[in-house]
All heavy atoms as atom14 arrays in JSON, in Angstrom:
{
  "sequence": "RKRLGTIVKRNKITQEFTHVIQSYNQEMDNKGLKAITKVISFDKINP",
  "atom14_mask": [
    [1, 1, 1, 1, 1, 1, 1, 1, 1, 1, 1, 0, 0, 0],
    [1, 1, 1, 1, 1, 1, 1, 1, 1, 0, 0, 0, 0, 0],
    [1, 1, 1, 1, 1, 1, 1, 1, 1, 1, 1, 0, 0, 0],
    [1, 1, 1, 1, 1, 1, 1, 1, 0, 0, 0, 0, 0, 0],
    [1, 1, 1, 1, 0, 0, 0, 0, 0, 0, 0, 0, 0, 0],
    [1, 1, 1, 1, 1, 1, 1, 0, 0, 0, 0, 0, 0, 0],
    [1, 1, 1, 1, 1, 1, 1, 1, 0, 0, 0, 0, 0, 0],
    [1, 1, 1, 1, 1, 1, 1, 0, 0, 0, 0, 0, 0, 0],
    [1, 1, 1, 1, 1, 1, 1, 1, 1, 0, 0, 0, 0, 0],
    [1, 1, 1, 1, 1, 1, 1, 1, 1, 1, 1, 0, 0, 0],
    [1, 1, 1, 1, 1, 1, 1, 1, 0, 0, 0, 0, 0, 0],
    [1, 1, 1, 1, 1, 1, 1, 1, 1, 0, 0, 0, 0, 0],
    [1, 1, 1, 1, 1, 1, 1, 1, 0, 0, 0, 0, 0, 0],
    [1, 1, 1, 1, 1, 1, 1, 0, 0, 0, 0, 0, 0, 0],
    [1, 1, 1, 1, 1, 1, 1, 1, 1, 0, 0, 0, 0, 0],
    [1, 1, 1, 1, 1, 1, 1, 1, 1, 0, 0, 0, 0, 0],
    [1, 1, 1, 1, 1, 1, 1, 1, 1, 1, 1, 0, 0, 0],
    [1, 1, 1, 1, 1, 1, 1, 0, 0, 0, 0, 0, 0, 0],
    [1, 1, 1, 1, 1, 1, 1, 1, 1, 1, 0, 0, 0, 0],
    [1, 1, 1, 1, 1, 1, 1, 0, 0, 0, 0, 0, 0, 0],
    [1, 1, 1, 1, 1, 1, 1, 1, 0, 0, 0, 0, 0, 0],
    [1, 1, 1, 1, 1, 1, 1, 1, 1, 0, 0, 0, 0, 0],
    [1, 1, 1, 1, 1, 1, 0, 0, 0, 0, 0, 0, 0, 0],
    [1, 1, 1, 1, 1, 1, 1, 1, 1, 1, 1, 1, 0, 0],
    [1, 1, 1, 1, 1, 1, 1, 1, 0, 0, 0, 0, 0, 0],
    [1, 1, 1, 1, 1, 1, 1, 1, 1, 0, 0, 0, 0, 0],
    [1, 1, 1, 1, 1, 1, 1, 1, 1, 0, 0, 0, 0, 0],
    [1, 1, 1, 1, 1, 1, 1, 1, 0, 0, 0, 0, 0, 0],
    [1, 1, 1, 1, 1, 1, 1, 1, 0, 0, 0, 0, 0, 0],
    [1, 1, 1, 1, 1, 1, 1, 1, 0, 0, 0, 0, 0, 0],
    [1, 1, 1, 1, 1, 1, 1, 1, 1, 0, 0, 0, 0, 0],
    [1, 1, 1, 1, 0, 0, 0, 0, 0, 0, 0, 0, 0, 0],
    [1, 1, 1, 1, 1, 1, 1, 1, 0, 0, 0, 0, 0, 0],
    [1, 1, 1, 1, 1, 1, 1, 1, 1, 0, 0, 0, 0, 0],
    [1, 1, 1, 1, 1, 0, 0, 0, 0, 0, 0, 0, 0, 0],
    [1, 1, 1, 1, 1, 1, 1, 1, 0, 0, 0, 0, 0, 0],
    [1, 1, 1, 1, 1, 1, 1, 0, 0, 0, 0, 0, 0, 0],
    [1, 1, 1, 1, 1, 1, 1, 1, 1, 0, 0, 0, 0, 0],
    [1, 1, 1, 1, 1, 1, 1, 0, 0, 0, 0, 0, 0, 0],
    [1, 1, 1, 1, 1, 1, 1, 1, 0, 0, 0, 0, 0, 0],
    [1, 1, 1, 1, 1, 1, 0, 0, 0, 0, 0, 0, 0, 0],
    [1, 1, 1, 1, 1, 1, 1, 1, 1, 1, 1, 0, 0, 0],
    [1, 1, 1, 1, 1, 1, 1, 1, 0, 0, 0, 0, 0, 0],
    [1, 1, 1, 1, 1, 1, 1, 1, 1, 0, 0, 0, 0, 0],
    [1, 1, 1, 1, 1, 1, 1, 1, 0, 0, 0, 0, 0, 0],
    [1, 1, 1, 1, 1, 1, 1, 1, 0, 0, 0, 0, 0, 0],
    [1, 1, 1, 1, 1, 1, 1, 0, 0, 0, 0, 0, 0, 0]
  ],
  "atom14_positions": [
    [[-17.73, -23.23, -31.22], [-17.09, -23.14, -32.56], [-18.16, -23.03, -33.62], [-19.07, -23.77, -33.61], [-16.13, -24.38, -32.82], [-15.08, -24.56, -31.82], [-14.17, -25.69, -32.21], [-13.15, -25.95, -31.13], [-12.35, -26.97, -31.2], [-12.43, -27.92, -32.16], [-11.42, -27.13, -30.25], [0.0, 0.0, 0.0], [0.0, 0.0, 0.0], [0.0, 0.0, 0.0]],
    [[-17.89, -22.08, -34.53], [-18.9, -21.83, -35.64], [-19.01, -23.12, -36.45], [-18.01, -23.74, -36.75], [-18.46, -20.7, -36.43], [-18.61, -19.3, -35.75], [-18.19, -18.17, -36.65], [-18.37, -16.84, -35.95], [-18.0, -15.66, -36.8], [0.0, 0.0, 0.0], [0.0, 0.0, 0.0], [0.0, 0.0, 0.0], [0.0, 0.0, 0.0], [0.0, 0.0, 0.0]],
    [[-20.19, -23.37, -36.96], [-20.51, -24.52, -37.77], [-20.16, -25.85, -37.22], [-20.3, -26.86, -37.95], [-19.82, -24.33, -39.18], [-20.22, -23.04, -39.93], [-19.61, -23.1, -41.32], [-18.13, -22.98, -41.24], [-17.54, -21.77, -41.19], [-18.26, -20.67, -41.15], [-16.28, -21.72, -41.05], [0.0, 0.0, 0.0], [0.0, 0.0, 0.0], [0.0, 0.0, 0.0]],
    [[-19.81, -25.96, -35.99], [-19.48, -27.24, -35.31], [-20.35, -27.48, -34.13], [-20.99, -28.45, -33.99], [-18.03, -27.3, -35.0], [-17.61, -28.6, -34.46], [-17.84, -29.78, -35.49], [-16.07, -28.59, -34.15], [0.0, 0.0, 0.0], [0.0, 0.0, 0.0], [0.0, 0.0, 0.0], [0.0, 0.0, 0.0], [0.0, 0.0, 0.0], [0.0, 0.0, 0.0]],
    [[-20.35, -26.44, -33.27], [-21.18, -26.61, -32.0], [-20.4, -26.25, -30.81], [-19.37, -25.56, -30.86], [0.0, 0.0, 0.0], [0.0, 0.0, 0.0], [0.0, 0.0, 0.0], [0.0, 0.0, 0.0], [0.0, 0.0, 0.0], [0.0, 0.0, 0.0], [0.0, 0.0, 0.0], [0.0, 0.0, 0.0], [0.0, 0.0, 0.0], [0.0, 0.0, 0.0]],
    [[-20.83, -26.71, -29.65], [-20.1, -26.51, -28.36], [-19.26, -27.71, -27.98], [-19.79, -28.82, -27.84], [-21.12, -26.21, -27.25], [-21.85, -25.09, -27.69], [-20.41, -25.77, -25.96], [0.0, 0.0, 0.0], [0.0, 0.0, 0.0], [0.0, 0.0, 0.0], [0.0, 0.0, 0.0], [0.0, 0.0, 0.0], [0.0, 0.0, 0.0], [0.0, 0.0, 0.0]],
    [[-17.95, -27.43, -27.8], [-16.97, -28.54, -27.49], [-16.64, -28.56, -26.06], [-16.44, -27.48, -25.4], [-15.72, -28.3, -28.32], [-15.93, -28.14, -29.87], [-14.64, -29.46, -28.09], [-16.53, -29.32, -30.49], [0.0, 0.0, 0.0], [0.0, 0.0, 0.0], [0.0, 0.0, 0.0], [0.0, 0.0, 0.0], [0.0, 0.0, 0.0], [0.0, 0.0, 0.0]],
    [[-16.58, -29.78, -25.48], [-16.18, -29.94, -24.1], [-14.65, -29.85, -23.99], [-13.84, -30.49, -24.66], [-16.63, -31.41, -23.64], [-16.11, -31.65, -22.16], [-18.12, -31.52, -23.69], [0.0, 0.0, 0.0], [0.0, 0.0, 0.0], [0.0, 0.0, 0.0], [0.0, 0.0, 0.0], [0.0, 0.0, 0.0], [0.0, 0.0, 0.0], [0.0, 0.0, 0.0]],
    [[-14.29, -28.9, -23.09], [-12.84, -28.78, -22.77], [-12.61, -29.23, -21.3], [-13.54, -29.64, -20.64], [-12.45, -27.28, -22.88], [-12.53, -26.73, -24.3], [-12.21, -25.28, -24.23], [-10.83, -24.94, -23.77], [-10.55, -23.47, -23.83], [0.0, 0.0, 0.0], [0.0, 0.0, 0.0], [0.0, 0.0, 0.0], [0.0, 0.0, 0.0], [0.0, 0.0, 0.0]],
    [[-11.42, -29.26, -20.84], [-11.1, -29.68, -19.51], [-10.39, -28.49, -18.79], [-9.25, -28.2, -19.21], [-10.27, -30.98, -19.53], [-10.21, -31.64, -18.15], [-11.51, -32.18, -17.66], [-12.13, -33.09, -18.63], [-11.78, -34.35, -18.81], [-10.8, -34.88, -18.17], [-12.34, -35.07, -19.71], [0.0, 0.0, 0.0], [0.0, 0.0, 0.0], [0.0, 0.0, 0.0]],
    [[-11.04, -27.77, -18.01], [-10.42, -26.66, -17.31], [-9.33, -27.09, -16.33], [-9.73, -27.72, -15.25], [-11.53, -25.82, -16.69], [-10.98, -24.43, -16.28], [-10.03, -23.96, -16.89], [-11.56, -23.77, -15.33], [0.0, 0.0, 0.0], [0.0, 0.0, 0.0], [0.0, 0.0, 0.0], [0.0, 0.0, 0.0], [0.0, 0.0, 0.0], [0.0, 0.0, 0.0]],
    [[-8.09, -26.92, -16.49], [-7.07, -27.35, -15.66], [-7.03, -26.61, -14.35], [-7.32, -25.41, -14.34], [-5.69, -27.24, -16.34], [-5.46, -28.29, -17.45], [-4.07, -28.36, -17.94], [-3.9, -29.46, -19.04], [-2.43, -29.64, -19.38], [0.0, 0.0, 0.0], [0.0, 0.0, 0.0], [0.0, 0.0, 0.0], [0.0, 0.0, 0.0], [0.0, 0.0, 0.0]],
    [[-6.71, -27.28, -13.27], [-6.56, -26.7, -11.99], [-5.13, -26.19, -11.86], [-4.14, -27.01, -11.92], [-6.87, -27.66, -10.86], [-8.33, -28.14, -11.01], [-6.66, -26.98, -9.51], [-8.65, -29.31, -10.14], [0.0, 0.0, 0.0], [0.0, 0.0, 0.0], [0.0, 0.0, 0.0], [0.0, 0.0, 0.0], [0.0, 0.0, 0.0], [0.0, 0.0, 0.0]],
    [[-4.94, -24.97, -11.66], [-3.6, -24.35, -11.52], [-3.11, -24.56, -10.1], [-3.56, -24.0, -9.1], [-3.49, -22.82, -11.83], [-4.11, -22.69, -13.18], [-2.16, -22.32, -11.78], [0.0, 0.0, 0.0], [0.0, 0.0, 0.0], [0.0, 0.0, 0.0], [0.0, 0.0, 0.0], [0.0, 0.0, 0.0], [0.0, 0.0, 0.0], [0.0, 0.0, 0.0]],
    [[-2.17, -25.54, -9.91], [-1.56, -25.85, -8.66], [-0.43, -24.84, -8.3], [0.44, -24.59, -9.02], [-1.04, -27.26, -8.62], [-2.1, -28.34, -9.04], [-3.06, -28.61, -7.93], [-2.93, -28.18, -6.84], [-4.14, -29.31, -8.28], [0.0, 0.0, 0.0], [0.0, 0.0, 0.0], [0.0, 0.0, 0.0], [0.0, 0.0, 0.0], [0.0, 0.0, 0.0]],
    [[-0.47, -24.4, -7.06], [0.63, -23.45, -6.6], [1.57, -23.99, -5.61], [2.39, -23.31, -5.1], [-0.1, -22.15, -6.05], [-1.0, -21.46, -7.06], [-1.68, -20.18, -6.49], [-0.97, -19.27, -6.09], [-2.91, -20.25, -6.42], [0.0, 0.0, 0.0], [0.0, 0.0, 0.0], [0.0, 0.0, 0.0], [0.0, 0.0, 0.0], [0.0, 0.0, 0.0]],
    [[1.49, -25.33, -5.33], [2.3, -25.93, -4.31], [3.72, -26.0, -4.64], [4.53, -26.33, -3.84], [1.73, -27.32, -3.91], [2.25, -28.44, -4.57], [2.89, -29.49, -3.87], [2.21, -28.62, -5.96], [3.44, -30.55, -4.47], [2.66, -29.69, -6.64], [3.29, -30.71, -5.88], [0.0, 0.0, 0.0], [0.0, 0.0, 0.0], [0.0, 0.0, 0.0]],
    [[4.06, -25.64, -5.91], [5.51, -25.65, -6.29], [6.24, -24.42, -5.66], [7.44, -24.51, -5.57], [5.68, -25.55, -7.82], [4.84, -24.53, -8.32], [5.34, -26.9, -8.49], [0.0, 0.0, 0.0], [0.0, 0.0, 0.0], [0.0, 0.0, 0.0], [0.0, 0.0, 0.0], [0.0, 0.0, 0.0], [0.0, 0.0, 0.0], [0.0, 0.0, 0.0]],
    [[5.55, -23.38, -5.25], [6.14, -22.28, -4.61], [5.45, -21.8, -3.33], [5.85, -20.74, -2.75], [6.31, -21.08, -5.69], [5.0, -20.48, -5.98], [4.17, -21.03, -6.93], [4.38, -19.39, -5.6], [3.1, -20.34, -7.09], [3.14, -19.29, -6.25], [0.0, 0.0, 0.0], [0.0, 0.0, 0.0], [0.0, 0.0, 0.0], [0.0, 0.0, 0.0]],
    [[4.39, -22.53, -2.91], [3.69, -22.09, -1.61], [3.55, -23.34, -0.77], [3.16, -24.45, -1.28], [2.27, -21.55, -1.94], [1.58, -21.21, -0.72], [2.4, -20.28, -2.8], [0.0, 0.0, 0.0], [0.0, 0.0, 0.0], [0.0, 0.0, 0.0], [0.0, 0.0, 0.0], [0.0, 0.0, 0.0], [0.0, 0.0, 0.0], [0.0, 0.0, 0.0]],
    [[3.84, -23.22, 0.48], [3.67, -24.29, 1.4], [2.3, -24.14, 2.05], [2.03, -23.28, 2.9], [4.76, -24.29, 2.6], [6.07, -24.45, 1.93], [4.52, -25.41, 3.56], [7.3, -24.36, 2.95], [0.0, 0.0, 0.0], [0.0, 0.0, 0.0], [0.0, 0.0, 0.0], [0.0, 0.0, 0.0], [0.0, 0.0, 0.0], [0.0, 0.0, 0.0]],
    [[1.41, -25.06, 1.68], [0.03, -25.05, 2.24], [-0.59, -26.43, 1.97], [-0.04, -27.22, 1.11], [-0.81, -23.96, 1.66], [-1.07, -24.02, 0.17], [-1.89, -22.84, -0.47], [-2.34, -22.06, 0.31], [-1.95, -22.77, -1.74], [0.0, 0.0, 0.0], [0.0, 0.0, 0.0], [0.0, 0.0, 0.0], [0.0, 0.0, 0.0], [0.0, 0.0, 0.0]],
    [[-1.59, -26.77, 2.76], [-2.28, -28.0, 2.56], [-3.06, -28.06, 1.18], [-3.44, -27.05, 0.68], [-3.2, -28.3, 3.69], [-4.37, -27.45, 3.66], [0.0, 0.0, 0.0], [0.0, 0.0, 0.0], [0.0, 0.0, 0.0], [0.0, 0.0, 0.0], [0.0, 0.0, 0.0], [0.0, 0.0, 0.0], [0.0, 0.0, 0.0], [0.0, 0.0, 0.0]],
    [[-3.38, -29.23, 0.77], [-4.15, -29.41, -0.45], [-5.56, -28.86, -0.31], [-6.07, -28.16, -1.16], [-4.24, -30.88, -0.78], [-5.15, -31.21, -2.02], [-4.65, -31.09, -3.29], [-6.48, -31.67, -1.86], [-5.37, -31.39, -4.42], [-7.23, -31.93, -2.92], [-6.67, -31.82, -4.25], [-7.47, -32.04, -5.32], [0.0, 0.0, 0.0], [0.0, 0.0, 0.0]],
    [[-6.16, -29.06, 0.93], [-7.49, -28.57, 1.16], [-7.49, -27.06, 1.17], [-8.38, -26.46, 0.67], [-7.98, -29.09, 2.54], [-8.44, -30.49, 2.45], [-8.48, -31.14, 1.41], [-8.73, -31.11, 3.63], [0.0, 0.0, 0.0], [0.0, 0.0, 0.0], [0.0, 0.0, 0.0], [0.0, 0.0, 0.0], [0.0, 0.0, 0.0], [0.0, 0.0, 0.0]],
    [[-6.51, -26.44, 1.81], [-6.42, -24.97, 1.8], [-6.29, -24.43, 0.43], [-6.9, -23.42, 0.04], [-5.22, -24.55, 2.59], [-5.09, -23.09, 2.77], [-3.93, -22.63, 3.63], [-3.11, -23.45, 4.12], [-3.66, -21.38, 3.66], [0.0, 0.0, 0.0], [0.0, 0.0, 0.0], [0.0, 0.0, 0.0], [0.0, 0.0, 0.0], [0.0, 0.0, 0.0]],
    [[-5.45, -25.05, -0.44], [-5.24, -24.58, -1.77], [-6.5, -24.62, -2.61], [-6.92, -23.7, -3.32], [-4.06, -25.34, -2.53], [-3.86, -24.74, -3.86], [-2.56, -25.44, -4.47], [-1.96, -26.26, -3.9], [-2.23, -25.02, -5.64], [0.0, 0.0, 0.0], [0.0, 0.0, 0.0], [0.0, 0.0, 0.0], [0.0, 0.0, 0.0], [0.0, 0.0, 0.0]],
    [[-7.21, -25.75, -2.55], [-8.45, -25.94, -3.3], [-9.53, -24.96, -2.77], [-10.33, -24.34, -3.5], [-8.99, -27.39, -3.19], [-8.13, -28.41, -3.87], [-7.81, -28.08, -5.63], [-6.09, -27.34, -5.49], [0.0, 0.0, 0.0], [0.0, 0.0, 0.0], [0.0, 0.0, 0.0], [0.0, 0.0, 0.0], [0.0, 0.0, 0.0], [0.0, 0.0, 0.0]],
    [[-9.55, -24.76, -1.41], [-10.51, -23.85, -0.84], [-10.31, -22.4, -1.35], [-11.26, -21.71, -1.62], [-10.44, -23.92, 0.65], [-11.51, -23.06, 1.33], [-12.72, -23.35, 1.14], [-11.16, -22.13, 2.04], [0.0, 0.0, 0.0], [0.0, 0.0, 0.0], [0.0, 0.0, 0.0], [0.0, 0.0, 0.0], [0.0, 0.0, 0.0], [0.0, 0.0, 0.0]],
    [[-9.01, -22.05, -1.42], [-8.68, -20.75, -1.89], [-9.15, -20.52, -3.36], [-9.34, -19.31, -3.85], [-7.19, -20.5, -1.85], [-6.67, -20.31, -0.53], [-7.43, -20.18, 0.56], [-5.37, -20.55, -0.26], [0.0, 0.0, 0.0], [0.0, 0.0, 0.0], [0.0, 0.0, 0.0], [0.0, 0.0, 0.0], [0.0, 0.0, 0.0], [0.0, 0.0, 0.0]],
    [[-9.26, -21.59, -4.15], [-9.75, -21.53, -5.56], [-11.21, -21.67, -5.62], [-11.78, -21.65, -6.77], [-9.04, -22.59, -6.39], [-7.52, -22.51, -6.39], [-6.88, -23.62, -7.21], [-5.37, -23.54, -7.07], [-4.77, -22.31, -7.5], [0.0, 0.0, 0.0], [0.0, 0.0, 0.0], [0.0, 0.0, 0.0], [0.0, 0.0, 0.0], [0.0, 0.0, 0.0]],
    [[-11.9, -21.83, -4.57], [-13.41, -22.03, -4.54], [-13.81, -23.41, -4.97], [-14.97, -23.57, -5.48], [0.0, 0.0, 0.0], [0.0, 0.0, 0.0], [0.0, 0.0, 0.0], [0.0, 0.0, 0.0], [0.0, 0.0, 0.0], [0.0, 0.0, 0.0], [0.0, 0.0, 0.0], [0.0, 0.0, 0.0], [0.0, 0.0, 0.0], [0.0, 0.0, 0.0]],
    [[-12.84, -24.43, -4.78], [-13.19, -25.77, -5.24], [-13.45, -26.69, -4.06], [-12.86, -26.46, -3.01], [-12.09, -26.33, -6.18], [-11.71, -25.58, -7.4], [-10.38, -26.01, -8.02], [-12.9, -25.6, -8.38], [0.0, 0.0, 0.0], [0.0, 0.0, 0.0], [0.0, 0.0, 0.0], [0.0, 0.0, 0.0], [0.0, 0.0, 0.0], [0.0, 0.0, 0.0]],
    [[-14.24, -27.7, -4.29], [-14.53, -28.66, -3.2], [-13.49, -29.77, -3.19], [-13.5, -30.58, -4.1], [-15.92, -29.17, -3.28], [-16.36, -30.13, -2.2], [-17.78, -30.63, -2.36], [-18.14, -31.63, -1.32], [-19.54, -32.18, -1.53], [0.0, 0.0, 0.0], [0.0, 0.0, 0.0], [0.0, 0.0, 0.0], [0.0, 0.0, 0.0], [0.0, 0.0, 0.0]],
    [[-12.73, -29.9, -2.16], [-11.66, -30.89, -2.07], [-12.19, -32.05, -1.2], [-12.79, -31.84, -0.2], [-10.45, -30.37, -1.45], [0.0, 0.0, 0.0], [0.0, 0.0, 0.0], [0.0, 0.0, 0.0], [0.0, 0.0, 0.0], [0.0, 0.0, 0.0], [0.0, 0.0, 0.0], [0.0, 0.0, 0.0], [0.0, 0.0, 0.0], [0.0, 0.0, 0.0]],
    [[-11.94, -33.26, -1.68], [-12.32, -34.42, -1.0], [-11.17, -35.4, -0.91], [-10.42, -35.52, -1.88], [-13.52, -35.21, -1.68], [-14.76, -34.28, -1.72], [-13.86, -36.53, -0.96], [-15.88, -34.89, -2.52], [0.0, 0.0, 0.0], [0.0, 0.0, 0.0], [0.0, 0.0, 0.0], [0.0, 0.0, 0.0], [0.0, 0.0, 0.0], [0.0, 0.0, 0.0]],
    [[-10.91, -36.0, 0.23], [-9.82, -36.92, 0.41], [-10.27, -38.29, 0.82], [-11.08, -38.42, 1.72], [-8.9, -36.36, 1.48], [-8.28, -35.12, 1.1], [-7.68, -37.38, 1.69], [0.0, 0.0, 0.0], [0.0, 0.0, 0.0], [0.0, 0.0, 0.0], [0.0, 0.0, 0.0], [0.0, 0.0, 0.0], [0.0, 0.0, 0.0], [0.0, 0.0, 0.0]],
    [[-9.73, -39.32, 0.18], [-10.03, -40.65, 0.5], [-8.69, -41.33, 1.01], [-7.65, -41.33, 0.26], [-10.55, -41.46, -0.63], [-10.86, -42.97, -0.36], [-11.4, -43.62, -1.63], [-11.6, -45.1, -1.38], [-12.11, -45.85, -2.56], [0.0, 0.0, 0.0], [0.0, 0.0, 0.0], [0.0, 0.0, 0.0], [0.0, 0.0, 0.0], [0.0, 0.0, 0.0]],
    [[-8.69, -41.9, 2.17], [-7.5, -42.54, 2.66], [-7.48, -44.04, 2.17], [-8.34, -44.81, 2.43], [-7.51, -42.57, 4.25], [-6.36, -43.35, 4.75], [-7.4, -41.11, 4.74], [0.0, 0.0, 0.0], [0.0, 0.0, 0.0], [0.0, 0.0, 0.0], [0.0, 0.0, 0.0], [0.0, 0.0, 0.0], [0.0, 0.0, 0.0], [0.0, 0.0, 0.0]],
    [[-6.51, -44.35, 1.32], [-6.41, -45.63, 0.74], [-5.85, -46.6, 1.81], [-6.29, -47.73, 1.98], [-5.49, -45.53, -0.51], [-6.04, -44.57, -1.47], [-5.4, -46.93, -1.13], [-7.46, -44.84, -1.97], [0.0, 0.0, 0.0], [0.0, 0.0, 0.0], [0.0, 0.0, 0.0], [0.0, 0.0, 0.0], [0.0, 0.0, 0.0], [0.0, 0.0, 0.0]],
    [[-4.77, -46.18, 2.43], [-4.12, -46.99, 3.51], [-3.31, -46.11, 4.46], [-2.9, -45.0, 4.13], [-3.19, -48.08, 2.93], [-2.19, -47.47, 2.18], [0.0, 0.0, 0.0], [0.0, 0.0, 0.0], [0.0, 0.0, 0.0], [0.0, 0.0, 0.0], [0.0, 0.0, 0.0], [0.0, 0.0, 0.0], [0.0, 0.0, 0.0], [0.0, 0.0, 0.0]],
    [[-3.08, -46.66, 5.65], [-2.35, -45.85, 6.65], [-1.7, -47.0, 7.63], [-2.36, -47.53, 8.44], [-3.3, -44.94, 7.53], [-2.6, -43.93, 8.32], [-1.2, -43.8, 8.25], [-3.36, -43.1, 9.11], [-0.52, -42.74, 9.0], [-2.67, -42.1, 9.94], [-1.32, -41.97, 9.79], [0.0, 0.0, 0.0], [0.0, 0.0, 0.0], [0.0, 0.0, 0.0]],
    [[-0.41, -47.17, 7.45], [0.31, -48.24, 8.13], [1.65, -47.77, 8.72], [2.13, -46.72, 8.33], [0.59, -49.43, 7.05], [-0.61, -49.85, 6.39], [-1.52, -50.44, 7.08], [-0.73, -49.78, 5.2], [0.0, 0.0, 0.0], [0.0, 0.0, 0.0], [0.0, 0.0, 0.0], [0.0, 0.0, 0.0], [0.0, 0.0, 0.0], [0.0, 0.0, 0.0]],
    [[2.06, -48.53, 9.68], [3.45, -48.36, 10.27], [4.37, -49.43, 9.6], [4.03, -50.6, 9.6], [3.31, -48.51, 11.72], [4.64, -48.35, 12.52], [4.42, -48.45, 13.98], [5.72, -48.18, 14.74], [5.54, -48.39, 16.2], [0.0, 0.0, 0.0], [0.0, 0.0, 0.0], [0.0, 0.0, 0.0], [0.0, 0.0, 0.0], [0.0, 0.0, 0.0]],
    [[5.41, -48.97, 8.96], [6.27, -49.89, 8.23], [7.7, -49.55, 8.58], [8.16, -48.56, 9.1], [6.08, -49.74, 6.74], [6.49, -48.35, 6.23], [4.63, -50.01, 6.36], [6.65, -48.18, 4.71], [0.0, 0.0, 0.0], [0.0, 0.0, 0.0], [0.0, 0.0, 0.0], [0.0, 0.0, 0.0], [0.0, 0.0, 0.0], [0.0, 0.0, 0.0]],
    [[8.57, -50.55, 8.19], [10.03, -50.29, 8.16], [10.44, -49.62, 6.94], [10.04, -50.06, 5.85], [10.8, -51.65, 8.32], [10.45, -52.33, 9.67], [10.44, -51.68, 10.69], [10.35, -53.69, 9.6], [0.0, 0.0, 0.0], [0.0, 0.0, 0.0], [0.0, 0.0, 0.0], [0.0, 0.0, 0.0], [0.0, 0.0, 0.0], [0.0, 0.0, 0.0]],
    [[11.17, -48.6, 6.96], [11.62, -47.76, 5.82], [12.5, -48.49, 4.91], [13.43, -49.11, 5.31], [12.16, -46.49, 6.35], [12.82, -46.87, 7.72], [11.8, -47.94, 8.25], [0.0, 0.0, 0.0], [0.0, 0.0, 0.0], [0.0, 0.0, 0.0], [0.0, 0.0, 0.0], [0.0, 0.0, 0.0], [0.0, 0.0, 0.0], [0.0, 0.0, 0.0]]
  ]
}
């Protein structure tokens, strides 16, 4: 911006899973982004 400088923006990730069935990793890979997954918990429960 003139007379102000360079402003930090946040480039949003356009998610397509609303109309395409694919994994998160596949979608991020298609966008050239590095996807990382952390498993918080994995349990067997009564529904």
